[in-house]
Every structure is written in structure tokens, then in C-alpha cells.
Amino acid sequence: DSPLIAEQLTSETGRHRFTRVQDAYSLRCAPQVHGAARATLAHAESVA
């Protein structure tokens, strides 16, 4: 429910109206990198 995110939607389609096709990796791929770090932590905790 972020208003700033909602402002990027068109009222007709509900889709994002970007002048860019995709966000940069540092934004778009955050879950993949943070998730890999979490997996590493889970392994480390099993050793501990």
C-alpha cells in the first residue's frame, strides 16, 4: 500500500508506466542476494 508505488500505476490497466523496462539488479535482485545470504547463515547455524 505504498502511495509512491501506486503512483507508478496507470488507472486504466493497473500496470506500471515505466520509461525503463526493468529496474536495476540492485533493486530487482535483492531477494535473490539477500536470500542466498540467509541460506549461508542457515548452514552456518547448523554447524554451530
ModelCIF file with pLDDT and N, C-alpha, C, O atoms, coordinates in Angstrom:
data_MODEL
#
_entry.id   MODEL 
#
_entity.id                         1 
_entity.type                       polymer 
_entity.pdbx_number_of_molecules   1 
#
_entity_poly.entity_id                      1 
_entity_poly.type                           'polypeptide(L)' 
_entity_poly.nstd_linkage                   no 
_entity_poly.nstd_monomer                   no 
_entity_poly.pdbx_seq_one_letter_code       DSPLIAEQLTSETGRHRFTRVQDAYSLRCAPQVHGAARATLAHAESVA 
_entity_poly.pdbx_seq_one_letter_code_can   DSPLIAEQLTSETGRHRFTRVQDAYSLRCAPQVHGAARATLAHAESVA 
_entity_poly.pdbx_strand_id                 A 
#
loop_
_entity_poly_seq.entity_id 
_entity_poly_seq.num 
_entity_poly_seq.mon_id 
_entity_poly_seq.hetero 
1 1  ASP n 
1 2  SER n 
1 3  PRO n 
1 4  LEU n 
1 5  ILE n 
1 6  ALA n 
1 7  GLU n 
1 8  GLN n 
1 9  LEU n 
1 10 THR n 
1 11 SER n 
1 12 GLU n 
1 13 THR n 
1 14 GLY n 
1 15 ARG n 
1 16 HIS n 
1 17 ARG n 
1 18 PHE n 
1 19 THR n 
1 20 ARG n 
1 21 VAL n 
1 22 GLN n 
1 23 ASP n 
1 24 ALA n 
1 25 TYR n 
1 26 SER n 
1 27 LEU n 
1 28 ARG n 
1 29 CYS n 
1 30 ALA n 
1 31 PRO n 
1 32 GLN n 
1 33 VAL n 
1 34 HIS n 
1 35 GLY n 
1 36 ALA n 
1 37 ALA n 
1 38 ARG n 
1 39 ALA n 
1 40 THR n 
1 41 LEU n 
1 42 ALA n 
1 43 HIS n 
1 44 ALA n 
1 45 GLU n 
1 46 SER n 
1 47 VAL n 
1 48 ALA n 
#
_struct_asym.id          A 
_struct_asym.entity_id   1 
#
loop_
_ma_qa_metric.id 
_ma_qa_metric.mode 
_ma_qa_metric.name 
_ma_qa_metric.software_group_id 
_ma_qa_metric.type 
1 global pLDDT . pLDDT 
2 local  pLDDT . pLDDT 
#
_ma_qa_metric_global.metric_id      1 
_ma_qa_metric_global.metric_value   83.12 
_ma_qa_metric_global.model_id       1 
_ma_qa_metric_global.ordinal_id     1 
#
loop_
_ma_qa_metric_local.label_asym_id 
_ma_qa_metric_local.label_comp_id 
_ma_qa_metric_local.label_seq_id 
_ma_qa_metric_local.metric_id 
_ma_qa_metric_local.metric_value 
_ma_qa_metric_local.model_id 
_ma_qa_metric_local.ordinal_id 
A ASP 1  2 93.00 1 1  
A SER 2  2 94.00 1 2  
A PRO 3  2 93.00 1 3  
A LEU 4  2 91.00 1 4  
A ILE 5  2 90.00 1 5  
A ALA 6  2 88.00 1 6  
A GLU 7  2 84.00 1 7  
A GLN 8  2 76.00 1 8  
A LEU 9  2 68.00 1 9  
A THR 10 2 53.00 1 10 
A SER 11 2 45.00 1 11 
A GLU 12 2 45.00 1 12 
A THR 13 2 49.00 1 13 
A GLY 14 2 49.00 1 14 
A ARG 15 2 52.00 1 15 
A HIS 16 2 49.00 1 16 
A ARG 17 2 50.00 1 17 
A PHE 18 2 49.00 1 18 
A THR 19 2 50.00 1 19 
A ARG 20 2 55.00 1 20 
A VAL 21 2 63.00 1 21 
A GLN 22 2 85.00 1 22 
A ASP 23 2 91.00 1 23 
A ALA 24 2 91.00 1 24 
A TYR 25 2 94.00 1 25 
A SER 26 2 94.00 1 26 
A LEU 27 2 96.00 1 27 
A ARG 28 2 96.00 1 28 
A CYS 29 2 97.00 1 29 
A ALA 30 2 98.00 1 30 
A PRO 31 2 98.00 1 31 
A GLN 32 2 98.00 1 32 
A VAL 33 2 98.00 1 33 
A HIS 34 2 98.00 1 34 
A GLY 35 2 98.00 1 35 
A ALA 36 2 98.00 1 36 
A ALA 37 2 98.00 1 37 
A ARG 38 2 98.00 1 38 
A ALA 39 2 98.00 1 39 
A THR 40 2 98.00 1 40 
A LEU 41 2 98.00 1 41 
A ALA 42 2 98.00 1 42 
A HIS 43 2 98.00 1 43 
A ALA 44 2 98.00 1 44 
A GLU 45 2 98.00 1 45 
A SER 46 2 98.00 1 46 
A VAL 47 2 97.00 1 47 
A ALA 48 2 97.00 1 48 
#
loop_
_atom_site.group_PDB 
_atom_site.id 
_atom_site.type_symbol 
_atom_site.label_atom_id 
_atom_site.label_alt_id 
_atom_site.label_comp_id 
_atom_site.label_asym_id 
_atom_site.label_entity_id 
_atom_site.label_seq_id 
_atom_site.pdbx_PDB_ins_code 
_atom_site.Cartn_x 
_atom_site.Cartn_y 
_atom_site.Cartn_z 
_atom_site.occupancy 
_atom_site.B_iso_or_equiv 
_atom_site.pdbx_formal_charge 
_atom_site.auth_seq_id 
_atom_site.auth_comp_id 
_atom_site.auth_asym_id 
_atom_site.auth_atom_id 
_atom_site.pdbx_PDB_model_num 
ATOM 1   N N  . ASP A 1 1  ? 0.813  -1.221  0.000   1.00 93.00 ? 1  ASP A N  1 
ATOM 2   C CA . ASP A 1 1  ? 0.000  0.000   0.000   1.00 93.00 ? 1  ASP A CA 1 
ATOM 3   C C  . ASP A 1 1  ? 0.850  1.276   0.000   1.00 93.00 ? 1  ASP A C  1 
ATOM 4   O O  . ASP A 1 1  ? 0.453  2.291   0.572   1.00 93.00 ? 1  ASP A O  1 
ATOM 5   N N  . SER A 1 2  ? 1.997  1.218   -0.633  1.00 94.00 ? 2  SER A N  1 
ATOM 6   C CA . SER A 1 2  ? 2.832  2.424   -0.744  1.00 94.00 ? 2  SER A CA 1 
ATOM 7   C C  . SER A 1 2  ? 2.227  3.383   -1.760  1.00 94.00 ? 2  SER A C  1 
ATOM 8   O O  . SER A 1 2  ? 2.052  3.010   -2.920  1.00 94.00 ? 2  SER A O  1 
ATOM 9   N N  . PRO A 1 3  ? 1.905  4.602   -1.358  1.00 93.00 ? 3  PRO A N  1 
ATOM 10  C CA . PRO A 1 3  ? 1.379  5.574   -2.326  1.00 93.00 ? 3  PRO A CA 1 
ATOM 11  C C  . PRO A 1 3  ? 2.350  5.860   -3.462  1.00 93.00 ? 3  PRO A C  1 
ATOM 12  O O  . PRO A 1 3  ? 1.933  6.022   -4.608  1.00 93.00 ? 3  PRO A O  1 
ATOM 13  N N  . LEU A 1 4  ? 3.638  5.923   -3.153  1.00 91.00 ? 4  LEU A N  1 
ATOM 14  C CA . LEU A 1 4  ? 4.621  6.197   -4.211  1.00 91.00 ? 4  LEU A CA 1 
ATOM 15  C C  . LEU A 1 4  ? 4.633  5.083   -5.250  1.00 91.00 ? 4  LEU A C  1 
ATOM 16  O O  . LEU A 1 4  ? 4.750  5.342   -6.447  1.00 91.00 ? 4  LEU A O  1 
ATOM 17  N N  . ILE A 1 5  ? 4.510  3.833   -4.782  1.00 90.00 ? 5  ILE A N  1 
ATOM 18  C CA . ILE A 1 5  ? 4.450  2.716   -5.730  1.00 90.00 ? 5  ILE A CA 1 
ATOM 19  C C  . ILE A 1 5  ? 3.151  2.789   -6.540  1.00 90.00 ? 5  ILE A C  1 
ATOM 20  O O  . ILE A 1 5  ? 3.143  2.563   -7.750  1.00 90.00 ? 5  ILE A O  1 
ATOM 21  N N  . ALA A 1 6  ? 2.078  3.102   -5.856  1.00 88.00 ? 6  ALA A N  1 
ATOM 22  C CA . ALA A 1 6  ? 0.779  3.168   -6.544  1.00 88.00 ? 6  ALA A CA 1 
ATOM 23  C C  . ALA A 1 6  ? 0.762  4.253   -7.602  1.00 88.00 ? 6  ALA A C  1 
ATOM 24  O O  . ALA A 1 6  ? 0.091  4.110   -8.624  1.00 88.00 ? 6  ALA A O  1 
ATOM 25  N N  . GLU A 1 7  ? 1.488  5.332   -7.374  1.00 84.00 ? 7  GLU A N  1 
ATOM 26  C CA . GLU A 1 7  ? 1.525  6.421   -8.345  1.00 84.00 ? 7  GLU A CA 1 
ATOM 27  C C  . GLU A 1 7  ? 2.148  5.995   -9.663  1.00 84.00 ? 7  GLU A C  1 
ATOM 28  O O  . GLU A 1 7  ? 1.959  6.654   -10.686 1.00 84.00 ? 7  GLU A O  1 
ATOM 29  N N  . GLN A 1 8  ? 2.896  4.888   -9.641  1.00 76.00 ? 8  GLN A N  1 
ATOM 30  C CA . GLN A 1 8  ? 3.542  4.427   -10.866 1.00 76.00 ? 8  GLN A CA 1 
ATOM 31  C C  . GLN A 1 8  ? 2.609  3.553   -11.716 1.00 76.00 ? 8  GLN A C  1 
ATOM 32  O O  . GLN A 1 8  ? 3.008  3.050   -12.767 1.00 76.00 ? 8  GLN A O  1 
ATOM 33  N N  . LEU A 1 9  ? 1.359  3.376   -11.251 1.00 68.00 ? 9  LEU A N  1 
ATOM 34  C CA . LEU A 1 9  ? 0.404  2.558   -11.984 1.00 68.00 ? 9  LEU A CA 1 
ATOM 35  C C  . LEU A 1 9  ? -0.518 3.438   -12.829 1.00 68.00 ? 9  LEU A C  1 
ATOM 36  O O  . LEU A 1 9  ? -0.855 4.555   -12.435 1.00 68.00 ? 9  LEU A O  1 
ATOM 37  N N  . THR A 1 10 ? -0.912 2.935   -13.970 1.00 53.00 ? 10 THR A N  1 
ATOM 38  C CA . THR A 1 10 ? -1.912 3.645   -14.767 1.00 53.00 ? 10 THR A CA 1 
ATOM 39  C C  . THR A 1 10 ? -3.298 3.237   -14.296 1.00 53.00 ? 10 THR A C  1 
ATOM 40  O O  . THR A 1 10 ? -3.537 2.071   -13.983 1.00 53.00 ? 10 THR A O  1 
ATOM 41  N N  . SER A 1 11 ? -4.180 4.169   -14.248 1.00 45.00 ? 11 SER A N  1 
ATOM 42  C CA . SER A 1 11 ? -5.529 3.869   -13.756 1.00 45.00 ? 11 SER A CA 1 
ATOM 43  C C  . SER A 1 11 ? -6.267 2.907   -14.689 1.00 45.00 ? 11 SER A C  1 
ATOM 44  O O  . SER A 1 11 ? -7.137 2.161   -14.242 1.00 45.00 ? 11 SER A O  1 
ATOM 45  N N  . GLU A 1 12 ? -5.926 2.917   -15.987 1.00 45.00 ? 12 GLU A N  1 
ATOM 46  C CA . GLU A 1 12 ? -6.644 2.085   -16.941 1.00 45.00 ? 12 GLU A CA 1 
ATOM 47  C C  . GLU A 1 12 ? -6.264 0.614   -16.826 1.00 45.00 ? 12 GLU A C  1 
ATOM 48  O O  . GLU A 1 12 ? -7.142 -0.248  -16.857 1.00 45.00 ? 12 GLU A O  1 
ATOM 49  N N  . THR A 1 13 ? -4.981 0.311   -16.695 1.00 49.00 ? 13 THR A N  1 
ATOM 50  C CA . THR A 1 13 ? -4.528 -1.087  -16.748 1.00 49.00 ? 13 THR A CA 1 
ATOM 51  C C  . THR A 1 13 ? -4.032 -1.611  -15.420 1.00 49.00 ? 13 THR A C  1 
ATOM 52  O O  . THR A 1 13 ? -3.948 -2.824  -15.228 1.00 49.00 ? 13 THR A O  1 
ATOM 53  N N  . GLY A 1 14 ? -3.703 -0.727  -14.503 1.00 49.00 ? 14 GLY A N  1 
ATOM 54  C CA . GLY A 1 14 ? -3.104 -1.173  -13.247 1.00 49.00 ? 14 GLY A CA 1 
ATOM 55  C C  . GLY A 1 14 ? -1.672 -1.621  -13.414 1.00 49.00 ? 14 GLY A C  1 
ATOM 56  O O  . GLY A 1 14 ? -1.089 -2.188  -12.490 1.00 49.00 ? 14 GLY A O  1 
ATOM 57  N N  . ARG A 1 15 ? -1.090 -1.375  -14.583 1.00 52.00 ? 15 ARG A N  1 
ATOM 58  C CA . ARG A 1 15 ? 0.302  -1.766  -14.823 1.00 52.00 ? 15 ARG A CA 1 
ATOM 59  C C  . ARG A 1 15 ? 1.219  -0.561  -14.622 1.00 52.00 ? 15 ARG A C  1 
ATOM 60  O O  . ARG A 1 15 ? 0.791  0.591   -14.684 1.00 52.00 ? 15 ARG A O  1 
ATOM 61  N N  . HIS A 1 16 ? 2.488  -0.866  -14.381 1.00 49.00 ? 16 HIS A N  1 
ATOM 62  C CA . HIS A 1 16 ? 3.469  0.205   -14.174 1.00 49.00 ? 16 HIS A CA 1 
ATOM 63  C C  . HIS A 1 16 ? 3.745  0.931   -15.487 1.00 49.00 ? 16 HIS A C  1 
ATOM 64  O O  . HIS A 1 16 ? 3.850  0.313   -16.546 1.00 49.00 ? 16 HIS A O  1 
ATOM 65  N N  . ARG A 1 17 ? 3.860  2.241   -15.397 1.00 50.00 ? 17 ARG A N  1 
ATOM 66  C CA . ARG A 1 17 ? 4.129  3.046   -16.589 1.00 50.00 ? 17 ARG A CA 1 
ATOM 67  C C  . ARG A 1 17 ? 5.570  3.542   -16.552 1.00 50.00 ? 17 ARG A C  1 
ATOM 68  O O  . ARG A 1 17 ? 5.815  4.740   -16.408 1.00 50.00 ? 17 ARG A O  1 
ATOM 69  N N  . PHE A 1 18 ? 6.518  2.622   -16.683 1.00 49.00 ? 18 PHE A N  1 
ATOM 70  C CA . PHE A 1 18 ? 7.931  2.976   -16.633 1.00 49.00 ? 18 PHE A CA 1 
ATOM 71  C C  . PHE A 1 18 ? 8.429  3.441   -17.995 1.00 49.00 ? 18 PHE A C  1 
ATOM 72  O O  . PHE A 1 18 ? 7.999  2.948   -19.038 1.00 49.00 ? 18 PHE A O  1 
ATOM 73  N N  . THR A 1 19 ? 9.338  4.395   -17.958 1.00 50.00 ? 19 THR A N  1 
ATOM 74  C CA . THR A 1 19 ? 10.081 4.731   -19.163 1.00 50.00 ? 19 THR A CA 1 
ATOM 75  C C  . THR A 1 19 ? 11.229 3.738   -19.323 1.00 50.00 ? 19 THR A C  1 
ATOM 76  O O  . THR A 1 19 ? 11.781 3.602   -20.415 1.00 50.00 ? 19 THR A O  1 
ATOM 77  N N  . ARG A 1 20 ? 11.594 3.040   -18.239 1.00 55.00 ? 20 ARG A N  1 
ATOM 78  C CA . ARG A 1 20 ? 12.590 1.965   -18.297 1.00 55.00 ? 20 ARG A CA 1 
ATOM 79  C C  . ARG A 1 20 ? 11.830 0.638   -18.273 1.00 55.00 ? 20 ARG A C  1 
ATOM 80  O O  . ARG A 1 20 ? 10.744 0.553   -17.699 1.00 55.00 ? 20 ARG A O  1 
ATOM 81  N N  . VAL A 1 21 ? 12.386 -0.370  -18.880 1.00 63.00 ? 21 VAL A N  1 
ATOM 82  C CA . VAL A 1 21 ? 11.699 -1.664  -18.948 1.00 63.00 ? 21 VAL A CA 1 
ATOM 83  C C  . VAL A 1 21 ? 11.779 -2.392  -17.613 1.00 63.00 ? 21 VAL A C  1 
ATOM 84  O O  . VAL A 1 21 ? 10.797 -2.984  -17.164 1.00 63.00 ? 21 VAL A O  1 
ATOM 85  N N  . GLN A 1 22 ? 12.961 -2.348  -16.972 1.00 85.00 ? 22 GLN A N  1 
ATOM 86  C CA . GLN A 1 22 ? 13.174 -3.068  -15.728 1.00 85.00 ? 22 GLN A CA 1 
ATOM 87  C C  . GLN A 1 22 ? 14.023 -2.239  -14.777 1.00 85.00 ? 22 GLN A C  1 
ATOM 88  O O  . GLN A 1 22 ? 14.807 -1.390  -15.200 1.00 85.00 ? 22 GLN A O  1 
ATOM 89  N N  . ASP A 1 23 ? 13.854 -2.498  -13.489 1.00 91.00 ? 23 ASP A N  1 
ATOM 90  C CA . ASP A 1 23 ? 14.740 -1.877  -12.503 1.00 91.00 ? 23 ASP A CA 1 
ATOM 91  C C  . ASP A 1 23 ? 16.120 -2.519  -12.561 1.00 91.00 ? 23 ASP A C  1 
ATOM 92  O O  . ASP A 1 23 ? 16.293 -3.628  -13.067 1.00 91.00 ? 23 ASP A O  1 
ATOM 93  N N  . ALA A 1 24 ? 17.088 -1.796  -12.034 1.00 91.00 ? 24 ALA A N  1 
ATOM 94  C CA . ALA A 1 24 ? 18.458 -2.319  -11.967 1.00 91.00 ? 24 ALA A CA 1 
ATOM 95  C C  . ALA A 1 24 ? 18.515 -3.559  -11.076 1.00 91.00 ? 24 ALA A C  1 
ATOM 96  O O  . ALA A 1 24 ? 17.643 -3.773  -10.234 1.00 91.00 ? 24 ALA A O  1 
ATOM 97  N N  . TYR A 1 25 ? 19.530 -4.355  -11.270 1.00 94.00 ? 25 TYR A N  1 
ATOM 98  C CA . TYR A 1 25 ? 19.694 -5.591  -10.493 1.00 94.00 ? 25 TYR A CA 1 
ATOM 99  C C  . TYR A 1 25 ? 19.723 -5.334  -8.990  1.00 94.00 ? 25 TYR A C  1 
ATOM 100 O O  . TYR A 1 25 ? 19.187 -6.125  -8.215  1.00 94.00 ? 25 TYR A O  1 
ATOM 101 N N  . SER A 1 26 ? 20.346 -4.230  -8.576  1.00 94.00 ? 26 SER A N  1 
ATOM 102 C CA . SER A 1 26 ? 20.482 -3.982  -7.135  1.00 94.00 ? 26 SER A CA 1 
ATOM 103 C C  . SER A 1 26 ? 19.132 -3.800  -6.467  1.00 94.00 ? 26 SER A C  1 
ATOM 104 O O  . SER A 1 26 ? 19.011 -3.970  -5.254  1.00 94.00 ? 26 SER A O  1 
ATOM 105 N N  . LEU A 1 27 ? 18.106 -3.452  -7.254  1.00 96.00 ? 27 LEU A N  1 
ATOM 106 C CA . LEU A 1 27 ? 16.744 -3.356  -6.752  1.00 96.00 ? 27 LEU A CA 1 
ATOM 107 C C  . LEU A 1 27 ? 15.985 -4.658  -7.014  1.00 96.00 ? 27 LEU A C  1 
ATOM 108 O O  . LEU A 1 27 ? 15.396 -5.241  -6.103  1.00 96.00 ? 27 LEU A O  1 
ATOM 109 N N  . ARG A 1 28 ? 16.008 -5.095  -8.254  1.00 96.00 ? 28 ARG A N  1 
ATOM 110 C CA . ARG A 1 28 ? 15.192 -6.221  -8.678  1.00 96.00 ? 28 ARG A CA 1 
ATOM 111 C C  . ARG A 1 28 ? 15.651 -7.547  -8.063  1.00 96.00 ? 28 ARG A C  1 
ATOM 112 O O  . ARG A 1 28 ? 14.827 -8.414  -7.773  1.00 96.00 ? 28 ARG A O  1 
ATOM 113 N N  . CYS A 1 29 ? 16.936 -7.700  -7.869  1.00 97.00 ? 29 CYS A N  1 
ATOM 114 C CA . CYS A 1 29 ? 17.500 -8.983  -7.420  1.00 97.00 ? 29 CYS A CA 1 
ATOM 115 C C  . CYS A 1 29 ? 17.830 -9.016  -5.927  1.00 97.00 ? 29 CYS A C  1 
ATOM 116 O O  . CYS A 1 29 ? 18.524 -9.921  -5.463  1.00 97.00 ? 29 CYS A O  1 
ATOM 117 N N  . ALA A 1 30 ? 17.337 -8.037  -5.179  1.00 98.00 ? 30 ALA A N  1 
ATOM 118 C CA . ALA A 1 30 ? 17.632 -8.029  -3.741  1.00 98.00 ? 30 ALA A CA 1 
ATOM 119 C C  . ALA A 1 30 ? 17.221 -9.332  -3.047  1.00 98.00 ? 30 ALA A C  1 
ATOM 120 O O  . ALA A 1 30 ? 18.005 -9.844  -2.249  1.00 98.00 ? 30 ALA A O  1 
ATOM 121 N N  . PRO A 1 31 ? 16.042 -9.892  -3.306  1.00 98.00 ? 31 PRO A N  1 
ATOM 122 C CA . PRO A 1 31 ? 15.683 -11.142 -2.614  1.00 98.00 ? 31 PRO A CA 1 
ATOM 123 C C  . PRO A 1 31 ? 16.614 -12.302 -2.954  1.00 98.00 ? 31 PRO A C  1 
ATOM 124 O O  . PRO A 1 31 ? 16.892 -13.156 -2.112  1.00 98.00 ? 31 PRO A O  1 
ATOM 125 N N  . GLN A 1 32 ? 17.087 -12.321 -4.191  1.00 98.00 ? 32 GLN A N  1 
ATOM 126 C CA . GLN A 1 32 ? 17.971 -13.420 -4.581  1.00 98.00 ? 32 GLN A CA 1 
ATOM 127 C C  . GLN A 1 32 ? 19.296 -13.356 -3.825  1.00 98.00 ? 32 GLN A C  1 
ATOM 128 O O  . GLN A 1 32 ? 19.807 -14.382 -3.376  1.00 98.00 ? 32 GLN A O  1 
ATOM 129 N N  . VAL A 1 33 ? 19.854 -12.149 -3.682  1.00 98.00 ? 33 VAL A N  1 
ATOM 130 C CA . VAL A 1 33 ? 21.132 -11.997 -2.977  1.00 98.00 ? 33 VAL A CA 1 
ATOM 131 C C  . VAL A 1 33 ? 20.936 -12.115 -1.467  1.00 98.00 ? 33 VAL A C  1 
ATOM 132 O O  . VAL A 1 33 ? 21.661 -12.850 -0.796  1.00 98.00 ? 33 VAL A O  1 
ATOM 133 N N  . HIS A 1 34 ? 19.964 -11.395 -0.941  1.00 98.00 ? 34 HIS A N  1 
ATOM 134 C CA . HIS A 1 34 ? 19.703 -11.490 0.497   1.00 98.00 ? 34 HIS A CA 1 
ATOM 135 C C  . HIS A 1 34 ? 19.296 -12.911 0.875   1.00 98.00 ? 34 HIS A C  1 
ATOM 136 O O  . HIS A 1 34 ? 19.645 -13.398 1.951   1.00 98.00 ? 34 HIS A O  1 
ATOM 137 N N  . GLY A 1 35 ? 18.561 -13.571 -0.010  1.00 98.00 ? 35 GLY A N  1 
ATOM 138 C CA . GLY A 1 35 ? 18.150 -14.946 0.259   1.00 98.00 ? 35 GLY A CA 1 
ATOM 139 C C  . GLY A 1 35 ? 19.325 -15.902 0.286   1.00 98.00 ? 35 GLY A C  1 
ATOM 140 O O  . GLY A 1 35 ? 19.374 -16.802 1.125   1.00 98.00 ? 35 GLY A O  1 
ATOM 141 N N  . ALA A 1 36 ? 20.276 -15.719 -0.626  1.00 98.00 ? 36 ALA A N  1 
ATOM 142 C CA . ALA A 1 36 ? 21.468 -16.568 -0.616  1.00 98.00 ? 36 ALA A CA 1 
ATOM 143 C C  . ALA A 1 36 ? 22.267 -16.356 0.670   1.00 98.00 ? 36 ALA A C  1 
ATOM 144 O O  . ALA A 1 36 ? 22.831 -17.300 1.224   1.00 98.00 ? 36 ALA A O  1 
ATOM 145 N N  . ALA A 1 37 ? 22.307 -15.113 1.136   1.00 98.00 ? 37 ALA A N  1 
ATOM 146 C CA . ALA A 1 37 ? 22.987 -14.831 2.398   1.00 98.00 ? 37 ALA A CA 1 
ATOM 147 C C  . ALA A 1 37 ? 22.276 -15.537 3.552   1.00 98.00 ? 37 ALA A C  1 
ATOM 148 O O  . ALA A 1 37 ? 22.926 -16.069 4.452   1.00 98.00 ? 37 ALA A O  1 
ATOM 149 N N  . ARG A 1 38 ? 20.954 -15.540 3.524   1.00 98.00 ? 38 ARG A N  1 
ATOM 150 C CA . ARG A 1 38 ? 20.191 -16.228 4.564   1.00 98.00 ? 38 ARG A CA 1 
ATOM 151 C C  . ARG A 1 38 ? 20.458 -17.734 4.530   1.00 98.00 ? 38 ARG A C  1 
ATOM 152 O O  . ARG A 1 38 ? 20.555 -18.372 5.578   1.00 98.00 ? 38 ARG A O  1 
ATOM 153 N N  . ALA A 1 39 ? 20.576 -18.293 3.343   1.00 98.00 ? 39 ALA A N  1 
ATOM 154 C CA . ALA A 1 39 ? 20.872 -19.724 3.224   1.00 98.00 ? 39 ALA A CA 1 
ATOM 155 C C  . ALA A 1 39 ? 22.253 -20.040 3.795   1.00 98.00 ? 39 ALA A C  1 
ATOM 156 O O  . ALA A 1 39 ? 22.450 -21.068 4.443   1.00 98.00 ? 39 ALA A O  1 
ATOM 157 N N  . THR A 1 40 ? 23.190 -19.153 3.548   1.00 98.00 ? 40 THR A N  1 
ATOM 158 C CA . THR A 1 40 ? 24.533 -19.323 4.106   1.00 98.00 ? 40 THR A CA 1 
ATOM 159 C C  . THR A 1 40 ? 24.477 -19.284 5.625   1.00 98.00 ? 40 THR A C  1 
ATOM 160 O O  . THR A 1 40 ? 25.133 -20.074 6.303   1.00 98.00 ? 40 THR A O  1 
ATOM 161 N N  . LEU A 1 41 ? 23.687 -18.355 6.149   1.00 98.00 ? 41 LEU A N  1 
ATOM 162 C CA . LEU A 1 41 ? 23.536 -18.256 7.602   1.00 98.00 ? 41 LEU A CA 1 
ATOM 163 C C  . LEU A 1 41 ? 22.899 -19.519 8.168   1.00 98.00 ? 41 LEU A C  1 
ATOM 164 O O  . LEU A 1 41 ? 23.316 -19.998 9.222   1.00 98.00 ? 41 LEU A O  1 
ATOM 165 N N  . ALA A 1 42 ? 21.902 -20.061 7.488   1.00 98.00 ? 42 ALA A N  1 
ATOM 166 C CA . ALA A 1 42 ? 21.252 -21.283 7.973   1.00 98.00 ? 42 ALA A CA 1 
ATOM 167 C C  . ALA A 1 42 ? 22.244 -22.435 8.044   1.00 98.00 ? 42 ALA A C  1 
ATOM 168 O O  . ALA A 1 42 ? 22.232 -23.217 8.996   1.00 98.00 ? 42 ALA A O  1 
ATOM 169 N N  . HIS A 1 43 ? 23.100 -22.537 7.037   1.00 98.00 ? 43 HIS A N  1 
ATOM 170 C CA . HIS A 1 43 ? 24.127 -23.587 7.058   1.00 98.00 ? 43 HIS A CA 1 
ATOM 171 C C  . HIS A 1 43 ? 25.099 -23.360 8.217   1.00 98.00 ? 43 HIS A C  1 
ATOM 172 O O  . HIS A 1 43 ? 25.453 -24.299 8.929   1.00 98.00 ? 43 HIS A O  1 
ATOM 173 N N  . ALA A 1 44 ? 25.524 -22.125 8.399   1.00 98.00 ? 44 ALA A N  1 
ATOM 174 C CA . ALA A 1 44 ? 26.452 -21.813 9.486   1.00 98.00 ? 44 ALA A CA 1 
ATOM 175 C C  . ALA A 1 44 ? 25.835 -22.155 10.842  1.00 98.00 ? 44 ALA A C  1 
ATOM 176 O O  . ALA A 1 44 ? 26.518 -22.664 11.730  1.00 98.00 ? 44 ALA A O  1 
ATOM 177 N N  . GLU A 1 45 ? 24.546 -21.873 10.996  1.00 98.00 ? 45 GLU A N  1 
ATOM 178 C CA . GLU A 1 45 ? 23.881 -22.185 12.266  1.00 98.00 ? 45 GLU A CA 1 
ATOM 179 C C  . GLU A 1 45 ? 23.770 -23.685 12.494  1.00 98.00 ? 45 GLU A C  1 
ATOM 180 O O  . GLU A 1 45 ? 23.796 -24.143 13.636  1.00 98.00 ? 45 GLU A O  1 
ATOM 181 N N  . SER A 1 46 ? 23.647 -24.452 11.418  1.00 98.00 ? 46 SER A N  1 
ATOM 182 C CA . SER A 1 46 ? 23.611 -25.913 11.592  1.00 98.00 ? 46 SER A CA 1 
ATOM 183 C C  . SER A 1 46 ? 24.950 -26.427 12.101  1.00 98.00 ? 46 SER A C  1 
ATOM 184 O O  . SER A 1 46 ? 24.996 -27.352 12.912  1.00 98.00 ? 46 SER A O  1 
ATOM 185 N N  . VAL A 1 47 ? 26.039 -25.828 11.627  1.00 97.00 ? 47 VAL A N  1 
ATOM 186 C CA . VAL A 1 47 ? 27.375 -26.190 12.127  1.00 97.00 ? 47 VAL A CA 1 
ATOM 187 C C  . VAL A 1 47 ? 27.515 -25.783 13.587  1.00 97.00 ? 47 VAL A C  1 
ATOM 188 O O  . VAL A 1 47 ? 28.017 -26.551 14.407  1.00 97.00 ? 47 VAL A O  1 
ATOM 189 N N  . ALA A 1 48 ? 27.070 -24.575 13.906  1.00 97.00 ? 48 ALA A N  1 
ATOM 190 C CA . ALA A 1 48 ? 27.155 -24.103 15.295  1.00 97.00 ? 48 ALA A CA 1 
ATOM 191 C C  . ALA A 1 48 ? 26.359 -24.999 16.225  1.00 97.00 ? 48 ALA A C  1 
ATOM 192 O O  . ALA A 1 48 ? 26.315 -24.755 17.430  1.00 97.00 ? 48 ALA A O  1 
#
